[in-house]
């Protein structure tokens, strides 16, 4: 599985190194490396690799960045980000998914991350501020305001906005607590 339109070798290498099939139920393991959303729960799915790769490419995460990964599911996105960033906190509202991630990630010898079970829009005030915030599920603009406050000056938040087939990846940039908004690409 090599995501189209992703040319950052660090992201591609991380996607090769992190075994995606470990993050899904056994019945989905055979298709884990296809470019498809994979179910995690009846209401949640893991982003397809191409969309995740493009988000991470736009985020341009450096080895010194501290990243907040919202709606991390079973931890796949957090694992990939851990290969790019200095530190990453994955936040998951679903208790079972958070527990699964907290068991799986240490087995992969990833030690620059933490998994937190809690409300997604609360983020993680104790670890803030963050250089980058990645949100793995579509969320309305008004709902992300508490998360914007957890960005450093110059930090960026990436979120999928919209619903159904009309969704776009949007970047918010913190410029002295004034936030600019830039639509980047269709994410459906």
Protein backbone atom coordinates (compact mmCIF):
# COMPACT_ATOMS: atom_id res chain seq x y z
CA UNK A 1 0.00 0.00 0.00
CA UNK A 2 1.62 3.23 -1.15
CA UNK A 3 -0.73 6.20 -0.91
CA UNK A 4 -1.04 8.16 -4.14
CA UNK A 5 -0.18 11.85 -3.99
CA UNK A 6 2.06 11.33 -0.95
CA UNK A 7 5.70 11.99 -1.77
CA UNK A 8 7.18 12.54 1.72
CA UNK A 9 9.49 9.56 2.22
CA UNK A 10 9.27 9.82 6.02
CA UNK A 11 5.49 9.27 5.85
CA UNK A 12 5.79 6.45 3.32
CA UNK A 13 8.48 4.72 5.40
CA UNK A 14 6.36 5.04 8.56
CA UNK A 15 3.38 3.51 6.75
CA UNK A 16 5.54 0.59 5.64
CA UNK A 17 7.04 0.09 9.12
CA UNK A 18 3.76 0.22 11.08
CA UNK A 19 1.71 -2.98 10.50
CA UNK A 20 -1.81 -1.63 9.78
CA UNK A 21 -3.41 -5.06 10.09
CA UNK A 22 -2.71 -5.07 13.84
CA UNK A 23 -5.01 -2.08 14.33
CA UNK A 24 -8.17 -3.67 12.88
CA UNK A 25 -10.37 -6.61 13.81
CA UNK A 26 -9.22 -10.00 12.52
CA UNK A 27 -11.96 -10.10 9.88
CA UNK A 28 -10.48 -6.95 8.24
CA UNK A 29 -6.82 -8.03 8.28
CA UNK A 30 -6.87 -9.30 4.67
CA UNK A 31 -7.86 -5.86 3.37
CA UNK A 32 -5.87 -3.83 5.89
CA UNK A 33 -3.40 -2.65 3.24
CA UNK A 34 -5.98 -1.52 0.72
CA UNK A 35 -6.63 2.19 0.34
CA UNK A 36 -9.94 2.00 2.16
CA UNK A 37 -11.57 3.14 5.37
CA UNK A 38 -11.73 0.19 7.74
CA UNK A 39 -14.39 -0.21 10.42
CA UNK A 40 -13.27 0.11 14.03
CA UNK A 41 -16.74 0.20 15.62
CA UNK A 42 -20.24 0.36 14.14
CA UNK A 43 -19.94 4.17 13.99
CA UNK A 44 -16.19 4.72 13.50
CA UNK A 45 -13.66 3.88 10.82
CA UNK A 46 -9.93 4.24 10.33
CA UNK A 47 -9.04 6.83 7.68
CA UNK A 48 -7.88 5.41 4.39
CA UNK A 49 -4.09 5.55 4.02
CA UNK A 50 -4.17 8.06 1.17
CA UNK A 51 -6.19 10.60 3.18
CA UNK A 52 -4.09 10.09 6.33
CA UNK A 53 -0.88 10.37 4.29
CA UNK A 54 -2.04 13.58 2.60
CA UNK A 55 -3.06 15.10 5.94
CA UNK A 56 0.34 14.27 7.44
CA UNK A 57 2.11 15.63 4.36
CA UNK A 58 0.23 18.93 4.69
CA UNK A 59 1.02 19.00 8.42
CA UNK A 60 4.75 18.77 7.66
CA UNK A 61 5.49 17.33 11.11
CA UNK A 62 9.09 17.80 12.26
CA UNK A 63 11.10 15.60 14.61
CA UNK A 64 10.79 18.25 17.34
CA UNK A 65 7.03 18.76 17.07
CA UNK A 66 4.57 17.88 19.81
CA UNK A 67 1.37 16.63 18.16
CA UNK A 68 -2.17 16.04 19.43
CA UNK A 69 -3.93 13.23 17.54
CA UNK A 70 -7.69 13.52 18.09
CA UNK A 71 -9.96 10.47 17.52
CA UNK A 72 -6.95 8.18 17.24
CA UNK A 73 -9.14 5.05 17.22
CA UNK A 74 -7.06 1.93 17.77
CA UNK A 75 -3.86 3.98 17.52
CA UNK A 76 -2.74 3.60 13.89
CA UNK A 77 -2.54 7.34 13.20
CA UNK A 78 -0.75 7.91 16.53
CA UNK A 79 1.79 5.22 15.62
CA UNK A 80 2.48 6.82 12.23
CA UNK A 81 2.78 10.29 13.79
CA UNK A 82 5.18 8.94 16.43
CA UNK A 83 7.61 8.09 13.61
CA UNK A 84 7.51 11.74 12.48
CA UNK A 85 7.22 13.79 15.69
CA UNK A 86 9.14 14.23 18.91
CA UNK A 87 6.03 13.47 21.02
CA UNK A 88 2.41 12.62 20.25
CA UNK A 89 -0.69 12.33 22.42
CA UNK A 90 -3.55 10.27 20.99
CA UNK A 91 -6.99 11.05 22.41
CA UNK A 92 -9.85 8.59 22.00
CA UNK A 93 -13.39 8.81 23.38
CA UNK A 94 -14.21 5.11 22.87
CA UNK A 95 -12.90 3.30 25.96
CA UNK A 96 -12.32 -0.03 24.19
CA UNK A 97 -10.40 1.56 21.32
CA UNK A 98 -8.27 3.61 23.72
CA UNK A 99 -7.51 0.48 25.74
CA UNK A 100 -6.60 -1.46 22.60
CA UNK A 101 -4.26 1.32 21.49
CA UNK A 102 -2.65 1.55 24.93
CA UNK A 103 -1.84 -2.19 24.80
CA UNK A 104 -0.74 -2.37 21.16
CA UNK A 105 1.53 0.67 20.82
CA UNK A 106 4.10 -0.35 23.47
CA UNK A 107 4.38 -3.77 21.78
CA UNK A 108 5.61 -1.89 18.70
CA UNK A 109 8.31 -0.28 20.87
CA UNK A 110 6.95 3.21 20.31
CA UNK A 111 7.99 5.24 23.34
CA UNK A 112 7.38 8.84 22.31
CA UNK A 113 3.62 8.79 22.73
CA UNK A 114 0.73 8.58 25.14
CA UNK A 115 -2.86 7.43 24.70
CA UNK A 116 -5.54 9.28 26.63
CA UNK A 117 -9.14 8.14 27.02
CA UNK A 118 -11.40 11.18 27.16
CA UNK A 119 -13.60 13.65 25.37
CA UNK A 120 -12.20 14.43 21.94
CA UNK A 121 -12.89 18.15 21.98
CA UNK A 122 -11.22 18.54 25.36
CA UNK A 123 -7.88 17.59 23.82
CA UNK A 124 -5.15 17.38 26.45
CA UNK A 125 -4.62 20.59 28.42
CA UNK A 126 -1.97 18.94 30.59
CA UNK A 127 0.32 18.36 27.59
CA UNK A 128 -0.54 21.56 25.68
CA UNK A 129 0.55 23.57 23.84
CA UNK A 130 0.99 21.59 20.62
CA UNK A 131 2.76 22.40 17.37
CA UNK A 132 0.20 20.43 15.37
CA UNK A 133 -3.25 19.01 16.02
CA UNK A 134 -4.68 16.35 13.70
CA UNK A 135 -8.39 15.48 13.91
CA UNK A 136 -9.26 12.12 12.33
CA UNK A 137 -13.03 12.57 12.11
CA UNK A 138 -15.18 15.28 10.51
CA UNK A 139 -16.01 18.04 12.99
CA UNK A 140 -17.80 21.36 12.56
CA UNK A 141 -15.76 24.55 12.81
CA UNK A 142 -17.43 25.84 16.00
CA UNK A 143 -16.66 22.60 17.83
CA UNK A 144 -12.88 22.90 17.35
CA UNK A 145 -12.52 26.24 19.16
CA UNK A 146 -11.37 24.63 22.47
CA UNK A 147 -8.68 22.76 20.57
CA UNK A 148 -7.40 25.88 18.82
CA UNK A 149 -6.50 27.27 22.25
CA UNK A 150 -4.09 24.33 22.69
CA UNK A 151 -1.90 25.39 19.73
CA UNK A 152 1.38 27.24 20.12
CA UNK A 153 1.74 30.53 18.26
CA UNK A 154 2.44 29.42 14.69
CA UNK A 155 0.87 26.01 15.35
CA UNK A 156 -1.57 24.39 12.94
CA UNK A 157 -4.74 22.34 13.36
CA UNK A 158 -5.93 20.04 10.57
CA UNK A 159 -9.56 18.92 10.45
CA UNK A 160 -11.94 17.37 7.97
CA UNK A 161 -14.97 19.65 7.68
CA UNK A 162 -18.27 18.86 6.03
CA UNK A 163 -20.41 15.75 5.88
CA UNK A 164 -21.15 12.90 3.52
CA UNK A 165 -19.32 13.14 0.21
CA UNK A 166 -18.62 16.86 0.53
CA UNK A 167 -15.73 17.07 2.97
CA UNK A 168 -12.51 19.07 2.84
CA UNK A 169 -9.32 19.07 4.82
CA UNK A 170 -8.98 22.48 6.43
CA UNK A 171 -5.90 23.99 8.05
CA UNK A 172 -6.17 26.51 10.90
CA UNK A 173 -3.06 28.55 11.70
CA UNK A 174 -2.60 30.24 15.07
CA UNK A 175 -1.18 33.71 14.56
CA UNK A 176 -1.15 35.34 18.02
CA UNK A 177 -4.58 33.82 18.79
CA UNK A 178 -5.98 34.98 15.45
CA UNK A 179 -6.80 31.92 13.38
CA UNK A 180 -6.62 31.84 9.61
CA UNK A 181 -8.51 29.12 7.72
CA UNK A 182 -7.29 27.47 4.52
CA UNK A 183 -9.13 24.74 2.58
CA UNK A 184 -6.56 22.24 1.31
CA UNK A 185 -8.22 19.32 -0.53
CA UNK A 186 -11.37 17.22 -0.78
CA UNK A 187 -11.16 14.46 1.81
CA UNK A 188 -14.17 12.26 0.99
